[in-house]
N, C-alpha and C. Protein backbone atom coordinates (compact mmCIF):
# COMPACT_ATOMS: atom_id res chain seq x y z
N MET A 1 0.85 -1.18 0.00
CA MET A 1 0.00 0.00 0.00
C MET A 1 0.90 1.25 0.00
N ARG A 2 0.51 2.28 -0.72
CA ARG A 2 1.26 3.54 -0.78
C ARG A 2 0.72 4.44 0.34
N ILE A 3 1.60 4.79 1.30
CA ILE A 3 1.17 5.50 2.50
C ILE A 3 1.95 6.79 2.66
N LEU A 4 1.22 7.89 2.84
CA LEU A 4 1.80 9.19 3.11
C LEU A 4 1.97 9.34 4.62
N ILE A 5 3.17 9.70 5.05
CA ILE A 5 3.43 9.98 6.46
C ILE A 5 3.57 11.48 6.62
N VAL A 6 2.79 12.03 7.56
CA VAL A 6 2.88 13.45 7.90
C VAL A 6 3.12 13.50 9.41
N GLU A 7 4.37 13.76 9.77
CA GLU A 7 4.82 13.73 11.17
C GLU A 7 5.97 14.70 11.32
N ASP A 8 5.86 15.61 12.30
CA ASP A 8 6.90 16.63 12.45
C ASP A 8 8.03 16.22 13.38
N GLU A 9 7.90 15.12 14.10
CA GLU A 9 8.99 14.64 14.95
C GLU A 9 9.83 13.65 14.14
N THR A 10 11.07 14.04 13.87
CA THR A 10 11.93 13.29 12.96
C THR A 10 12.10 11.83 13.36
N LEU A 11 12.36 11.56 14.63
CA LEU A 11 12.58 10.18 15.05
C LEU A 11 11.33 9.32 14.86
N ILE A 12 10.18 9.88 15.15
CA ILE A 12 8.93 9.14 14.96
C ILE A 12 8.70 8.89 13.47
N ALA A 13 8.96 9.91 12.66
CA ALA A 13 8.79 9.76 11.21
C ALA A 13 9.71 8.67 10.66
N LEU A 14 10.94 8.63 11.14
CA LEU A 14 11.88 7.60 10.68
C LEU A 14 11.44 6.21 11.13
N MET A 15 10.94 6.09 12.36
CA MET A 15 10.46 4.81 12.86
C MET A 15 9.27 4.32 12.04
N LEU A 16 8.33 5.24 11.77
CA LEU A 16 7.17 4.88 10.95
C LEU A 16 7.58 4.42 9.56
N THR A 17 8.47 5.17 8.94
CA THR A 17 8.95 4.84 7.60
C THR A 17 9.57 3.45 7.59
N ASP A 18 10.46 3.20 8.53
CA ASP A 18 11.14 1.91 8.61
C ASP A 18 10.15 0.77 8.83
N SER A 19 9.24 0.95 9.77
CA SER A 19 8.25 -0.10 10.08
C SER A 19 7.36 -0.40 8.89
N LEU A 20 6.88 0.63 8.24
CA LEU A 20 5.98 0.43 7.10
C LEU A 20 6.70 -0.21 5.92
N GLU A 21 7.93 0.24 5.65
CA GLU A 21 8.68 -0.37 4.55
C GLU A 21 9.00 -1.83 4.84
N ARG A 22 9.34 -2.15 6.08
CA ARG A 22 9.59 -3.55 6.46
C ARG A 22 8.32 -4.38 6.33
N GLY A 23 7.18 -3.72 6.48
CA GLY A 23 5.90 -4.39 6.33
C GLY A 23 5.45 -4.51 4.88
N GLY A 24 6.29 -4.06 3.95
CA GLY A 24 5.99 -4.21 2.53
C GLY A 24 5.25 -3.04 1.90
N HIS A 25 5.18 -1.93 2.59
CA HIS A 25 4.47 -0.76 2.08
C HIS A 25 5.45 0.22 1.44
N TYR A 26 4.93 1.06 0.55
CA TYR A 26 5.71 2.14 -0.06
C TYR A 26 5.36 3.41 0.69
N VAL A 27 6.38 4.12 1.19
CA VAL A 27 6.17 5.32 2.00
C VAL A 27 6.43 6.57 1.17
N MET A 28 5.47 7.49 1.25
CA MET A 28 5.63 8.83 0.68
C MET A 28 5.99 9.75 1.83
N GLY A 29 7.03 10.56 1.64
CA GLY A 29 7.45 11.47 2.70
C GLY A 29 8.60 10.86 3.49
N PRO A 30 8.67 11.26 4.73
CA PRO A 30 7.67 11.97 5.52
C PRO A 30 7.64 13.46 5.24
N ALA A 31 6.46 14.02 5.43
CA ALA A 31 6.26 15.47 5.37
C ALA A 31 6.07 15.96 6.81
N SER A 32 6.46 17.20 7.06
CA SER A 32 6.30 17.74 8.41
C SER A 32 5.34 18.92 8.46
N THR A 33 4.81 19.32 7.30
CA THR A 33 3.84 20.42 7.24
C THR A 33 2.74 20.07 6.24
N MET A 34 1.66 20.81 6.30
CA MET A 34 0.56 20.61 5.35
C MET A 34 1.03 20.88 3.93
N ALA A 35 1.78 21.96 3.74
CA ALA A 35 2.25 22.31 2.39
C ALA A 35 3.11 21.19 1.80
N GLU A 36 4.02 20.62 2.59
CA GLU A 36 4.86 19.53 2.11
C GLU A 36 4.01 18.31 1.74
N ALA A 37 3.03 18.00 2.58
CA ALA A 37 2.17 16.83 2.35
C ALA A 37 1.39 16.98 1.04
N LEU A 38 0.79 18.14 0.84
CA LEU A 38 -0.01 18.34 -0.37
C LEU A 38 0.86 18.38 -1.62
N ALA A 39 2.07 18.92 -1.49
CA ALA A 39 2.99 18.93 -2.63
C ALA A 39 3.36 17.50 -3.03
N LEU A 40 3.57 16.62 -2.07
CA LEU A 40 3.86 15.22 -2.38
C LEU A 40 2.69 14.56 -3.12
N CYS A 41 1.48 14.92 -2.72
CA CYS A 41 0.29 14.33 -3.33
C CYS A 41 0.04 14.84 -4.74
N GLU A 42 0.58 15.98 -5.07
CA GLU A 42 0.47 16.48 -6.44
C GLU A 42 1.27 15.61 -7.39
N LEU A 43 2.32 14.96 -6.86
CA LEU A 43 3.18 14.10 -7.68
C LEU A 43 2.61 12.70 -7.83
N ALA A 44 2.06 12.16 -6.75
CA ALA A 44 1.47 10.82 -6.75
C ALA A 44 0.53 10.73 -5.56
N LEU A 45 -0.60 10.07 -5.76
CA LEU A 45 -1.58 9.97 -4.68
C LEU A 45 -1.29 8.77 -3.77
N PRO A 46 -1.40 9.00 -2.47
CA PRO A 46 -1.30 7.87 -1.54
C PRO A 46 -2.62 7.11 -1.53
N GLU A 47 -2.57 5.89 -1.06
CA GLU A 47 -3.79 5.12 -0.83
C GLU A 47 -4.33 5.39 0.57
N LEU A 48 -3.45 5.83 1.46
CA LEU A 48 -3.79 6.09 2.86
C LEU A 48 -2.77 7.08 3.40
N ALA A 49 -3.17 7.88 4.39
CA ALA A 49 -2.25 8.80 5.04
C ALA A 49 -2.23 8.54 6.54
N LEU A 50 -1.04 8.58 7.13
CA LEU A 50 -0.87 8.52 8.58
C LEU A 50 -0.46 9.92 9.02
N LEU A 51 -1.29 10.55 9.84
CA LEU A 51 -1.11 11.96 10.14
C LEU A 51 -0.99 12.25 11.63
N ASP A 52 0.04 13.00 11.99
CA ASP A 52 0.09 13.62 13.30
C ASP A 52 -0.86 14.82 13.23
N ILE A 53 -1.33 15.31 14.35
CA ILE A 53 -2.26 16.44 14.30
C ILE A 53 -1.54 17.78 14.42
N ASN A 54 -0.60 17.90 15.36
CA ASN A 54 0.14 19.15 15.50
C ASN A 54 1.41 19.08 14.66
N LEU A 55 1.48 19.93 13.63
CA LEU A 55 2.60 19.88 12.70
C LEU A 55 3.58 21.03 12.93
N ARG A 56 4.73 20.93 12.28
CA ARG A 56 5.87 21.81 12.53
C ARG A 56 5.56 23.30 12.39
N ASP A 57 4.89 23.71 11.36
CA ASP A 57 4.69 25.14 11.12
C ASP A 57 3.39 25.67 11.72
N GLY A 58 2.78 24.89 12.60
CA GLY A 58 1.51 25.30 13.18
C GLY A 58 0.31 24.82 12.39
N SER A 59 0.57 24.19 11.23
CA SER A 59 -0.55 23.63 10.47
C SER A 59 -1.05 22.38 11.19
N SER A 60 -2.18 21.87 10.72
CA SER A 60 -2.85 20.80 11.43
C SER A 60 -3.03 19.57 10.54
N GLY A 61 -2.79 18.41 11.12
CA GLY A 61 -3.06 17.18 10.41
C GLY A 61 -4.54 17.01 10.09
N VAL A 62 -5.40 17.62 10.90
CA VAL A 62 -6.83 17.59 10.61
C VAL A 62 -7.10 18.31 9.29
N ASP A 63 -6.46 19.46 9.09
CA ASP A 63 -6.62 20.19 7.82
C ASP A 63 -6.05 19.39 6.65
N VAL A 64 -4.95 18.68 6.89
CA VAL A 64 -4.38 17.82 5.85
C VAL A 64 -5.39 16.73 5.50
N ALA A 65 -5.98 16.09 6.51
CA ALA A 65 -6.96 15.02 6.26
C ALA A 65 -8.14 15.55 5.46
N ARG A 66 -8.63 16.72 5.83
CA ARG A 66 -9.76 17.30 5.10
C ARG A 66 -9.40 17.57 3.64
N ALA A 67 -8.21 18.14 3.42
CA ALA A 67 -7.78 18.45 2.05
C ALA A 67 -7.60 17.17 1.24
N LEU A 68 -6.98 16.15 1.82
CA LEU A 68 -6.78 14.89 1.11
C LEU A 68 -8.11 14.27 0.72
N PHE A 69 -9.06 14.31 1.63
CA PHE A 69 -10.37 13.72 1.36
C PHE A 69 -11.15 14.52 0.33
N LYS A 70 -11.15 15.85 0.48
CA LYS A 70 -11.93 16.71 -0.42
C LYS A 70 -11.36 16.68 -1.84
N ARG A 71 -10.04 16.79 -1.97
CA ARG A 71 -9.42 16.87 -3.30
C ARG A 71 -9.35 15.52 -4.01
N TRP A 72 -8.99 14.47 -3.25
CA TRP A 72 -8.68 13.21 -3.91
C TRP A 72 -9.41 11.99 -3.33
N GLY A 73 -10.20 12.17 -2.30
CA GLY A 73 -10.89 11.03 -1.68
C GLY A 73 -10.00 10.12 -0.87
N VAL A 74 -8.82 10.62 -0.48
CA VAL A 74 -7.86 9.82 0.29
C VAL A 74 -8.24 9.89 1.78
N LEU A 75 -8.34 8.71 2.39
CA LEU A 75 -8.63 8.64 3.82
C LEU A 75 -7.36 8.61 4.64
N SER A 76 -7.51 8.93 5.91
CA SER A 76 -6.37 9.05 6.81
C SER A 76 -6.58 8.27 8.09
N ILE A 77 -5.49 8.02 8.77
CA ILE A 77 -5.49 7.56 10.15
C ILE A 77 -4.66 8.58 10.92
N PHE A 78 -5.22 9.10 12.00
CA PHE A 78 -4.46 10.01 12.85
C PHE A 78 -3.59 9.19 13.78
N ALA A 79 -2.34 9.60 13.93
CA ALA A 79 -1.40 8.99 14.87
C ALA A 79 -0.91 10.13 15.74
N SER A 80 -1.55 10.31 16.89
CA SER A 80 -1.35 11.54 17.65
C SER A 80 -1.74 11.35 19.11
N GLY A 81 -1.35 12.31 19.92
CA GLY A 81 -1.80 12.36 21.30
C GLY A 81 -3.06 13.20 21.45
N GLN A 82 -3.58 13.73 20.35
CA GLN A 82 -4.73 14.64 20.36
C GLN A 82 -6.03 13.89 20.04
N MET A 83 -6.48 13.07 20.99
CA MET A 83 -7.64 12.22 20.77
C MET A 83 -8.90 13.00 20.43
N MET A 84 -9.20 14.05 21.15
CA MET A 84 -10.45 14.78 20.91
C MET A 84 -10.45 15.44 19.53
N GLU A 85 -9.33 16.01 19.13
CA GLU A 85 -9.23 16.61 17.80
C GLU A 85 -9.41 15.55 16.72
N ALA A 86 -8.83 14.39 16.93
CA ALA A 86 -8.98 13.30 15.97
C ALA A 86 -10.44 12.88 15.85
N ARG A 87 -11.10 12.73 16.96
CA ARG A 87 -12.51 12.31 16.93
C ARG A 87 -13.40 13.34 16.25
N LYS A 88 -13.09 14.62 16.40
CA LYS A 88 -13.87 15.67 15.75
C LYS A 88 -13.77 15.59 14.22
N ALA A 89 -12.69 14.99 13.73
CA ALA A 89 -12.46 14.89 12.28
C ALA A 89 -12.76 13.48 11.77
N SER A 90 -13.61 12.75 12.46
CA SER A 90 -13.87 11.36 12.08
C SER A 90 -14.53 11.22 10.71
N GLY A 91 -15.10 12.30 10.19
CA GLY A 91 -15.72 12.24 8.86
C GLY A 91 -14.74 12.11 7.72
N VAL A 92 -13.47 12.43 7.95
CA VAL A 92 -12.46 12.36 6.89
C VAL A 92 -11.32 11.40 7.25
N ALA A 93 -11.52 10.62 8.31
CA ALA A 93 -10.47 9.69 8.74
C ALA A 93 -11.08 8.35 9.09
N LEU A 94 -10.27 7.32 8.96
CA LEU A 94 -10.72 5.97 9.31
C LEU A 94 -10.59 5.69 10.80
N GLY A 95 -9.62 6.35 11.44
CA GLY A 95 -9.43 6.06 12.85
C GLY A 95 -8.28 6.84 13.45
N TYR A 96 -7.93 6.41 14.65
CA TYR A 96 -6.97 7.13 15.48
C TYR A 96 -6.08 6.12 16.20
N ILE A 97 -4.77 6.33 16.09
CA ILE A 97 -3.79 5.54 16.84
C ILE A 97 -3.24 6.46 17.93
N ARG A 98 -3.35 6.02 19.14
CA ARG A 98 -2.94 6.81 20.31
C ARG A 98 -1.42 6.75 20.47
N LYS A 99 -0.80 7.94 20.61
CA LYS A 99 0.63 8.02 20.91
C LYS A 99 0.81 7.89 22.42
N PRO A 100 1.88 7.25 22.87
CA PRO A 100 2.89 6.54 22.08
C PRO A 100 2.34 5.20 21.59
N TYR A 101 2.88 4.72 20.48
CA TYR A 101 2.40 3.49 19.88
C TYR A 101 3.57 2.62 19.49
N GLU A 102 3.27 1.37 19.24
CA GLU A 102 4.28 0.42 18.80
C GLU A 102 4.13 0.18 17.30
N ALA A 103 5.21 -0.21 16.68
CA ALA A 103 5.20 -0.44 15.23
C ALA A 103 4.15 -1.47 14.83
N ARG A 104 3.99 -2.53 15.62
CA ARG A 104 3.02 -3.57 15.25
C ARG A 104 1.59 -3.04 15.28
N THR A 105 1.33 -2.05 16.17
CA THR A 105 -0.01 -1.44 16.20
C THR A 105 -0.27 -0.68 14.91
N VAL A 106 0.73 0.05 14.44
CA VAL A 106 0.59 0.80 13.20
C VAL A 106 0.38 -0.15 12.03
N LEU A 107 1.20 -1.19 11.94
CA LEU A 107 1.09 -2.14 10.83
C LEU A 107 -0.27 -2.84 10.83
N ARG A 108 -0.73 -3.26 11.97
CA ARG A 108 -2.05 -3.92 12.02
C ARG A 108 -3.15 -2.92 11.71
N SER A 109 -3.02 -1.67 12.15
CA SER A 109 -4.02 -0.64 11.86
C SER A 109 -4.11 -0.36 10.37
N VAL A 110 -2.98 -0.39 9.68
CA VAL A 110 -2.97 -0.22 8.22
C VAL A 110 -3.70 -1.39 7.56
N GLU A 111 -3.51 -2.58 8.07
CA GLU A 111 -4.21 -3.74 7.51
C GLU A 111 -5.71 -3.64 7.76
N VAL A 112 -6.11 -3.14 8.93
CA VAL A 112 -7.53 -2.93 9.21
C VAL A 112 -8.08 -1.89 8.23
N ALA A 113 -7.33 -0.82 8.00
CA ALA A 113 -7.76 0.22 7.04
C ALA A 113 -7.94 -0.39 5.66
N ARG A 114 -7.02 -1.24 5.24
CA ARG A 114 -7.13 -1.89 3.93
C ARG A 114 -8.41 -2.73 3.86
N GLU A 115 -8.71 -3.45 4.92
CA GLU A 115 -9.93 -4.26 4.96
C GLU A 115 -11.17 -3.37 4.82
N VAL A 116 -11.22 -2.29 5.58
CA VAL A 116 -12.37 -1.39 5.55
C VAL A 116 -12.51 -0.75 4.18
N MET A 117 -11.40 -0.30 3.61
CA MET A 117 -11.44 0.36 2.30
C MET A 117 -11.86 -0.59 1.19
N SER A 118 -11.65 -1.89 1.39
CA SER A 118 -12.08 -2.86 0.38
C SER A 118 -13.51 -3.34 0.62
N GLY A 119 -14.15 -2.80 1.67
CA GLY A 119 -15.54 -3.14 1.94
C GLY A 119 -15.74 -4.27 2.92
N ALA A 120 -14.66 -4.80 3.47
CA ALA A 120 -14.77 -5.90 4.43
C ALA A 120 -14.90 -5.36 5.85
N LYS A 121 -15.46 -6.18 6.70
CA LYS A 121 -15.53 -5.84 8.12
C LYS A 121 -14.30 -6.45 8.79
N PRO A 122 -13.51 -5.63 9.49
CA PRO A 122 -12.29 -6.16 10.10
C PRO A 122 -12.61 -7.22 11.16
N THR A 123 -11.78 -8.25 11.19
CA THR A 123 -11.99 -9.32 12.17
C THR A 123 -11.51 -8.91 13.56
N ALA A 124 -10.47 -8.07 13.63
CA ALA A 124 -9.94 -7.63 14.92
C ALA A 124 -9.27 -6.28 14.75
N VAL A 125 -9.48 -5.42 15.73
CA VAL A 125 -8.85 -4.10 15.74
C VAL A 125 -7.80 -4.12 16.85
N PRO A 126 -6.56 -3.73 16.55
CA PRO A 126 -5.51 -3.80 17.57
C PRO A 126 -5.74 -2.82 18.72
N ALA A 127 -5.25 -3.19 19.90
CA ALA A 127 -5.29 -2.29 21.05
C ALA A 127 -4.51 -1.03 20.68
N GLY A 128 -5.03 0.12 21.04
CA GLY A 128 -4.38 1.38 20.72
C GLY A 128 -4.90 2.02 19.45
N PHE A 129 -5.79 1.33 18.73
CA PHE A 129 -6.37 1.88 17.50
C PHE A 129 -7.87 2.00 17.67
N GLU A 130 -8.38 3.19 17.46
CA GLU A 130 -9.83 3.43 17.50
C GLU A 130 -10.31 3.56 16.06
N LEU A 131 -11.14 2.64 15.64
CA LEU A 131 -11.69 2.64 14.29
C LEU A 131 -12.94 3.50 14.29
N PHE A 132 -12.96 4.53 13.43
CA PHE A 132 -14.12 5.42 13.34
C PHE A 132 -15.23 4.82 12.48
N HIS A 133 -14.86 4.17 11.39
CA HIS A 133 -15.82 3.65 10.42
C HIS A 133 -15.49 2.20 10.12
N ALA A 134 -16.49 1.38 10.08
CA ALA A 134 -16.28 -0.01 9.68
C ALA A 134 -17.33 -0.37 8.63
N ALA A 135 -16.97 -1.29 7.77
CA ALA A 135 -17.92 -1.74 6.75
C ALA A 135 -19.13 -2.36 7.44
N GLU A 136 -20.28 -2.10 6.89
CA GLU A 136 -21.52 -2.65 7.47
C GLU A 136 -21.67 -4.11 7.14
């Protein structure tokens, strides 16, 4: 799966990139601002985005999620400590991974997202991941 990472903390972004690539995914980014994220998407569209909410330049991962969904129909998963902000944006995101998180939680959450996006109902949701929408 082609996944856009938007994370302003360098070490977290590197960990996410490494974990996702080891899991067989193609990583776009990481981007640390909304402008960087949208510029990457102009070149190639992700299938899913993993977004922190508070970004480097004061921009918001919520705004990135809204733009991705409105412009291209791309869904997101928030990976953040900002649970309430993530829940408020549940209309443009599949779910929320609570920071701090483990790599296996992220990888399993991506697989759950793939299941939901293909119309399937996930068999199990990993601890630490709140799924906003599930297939009926």
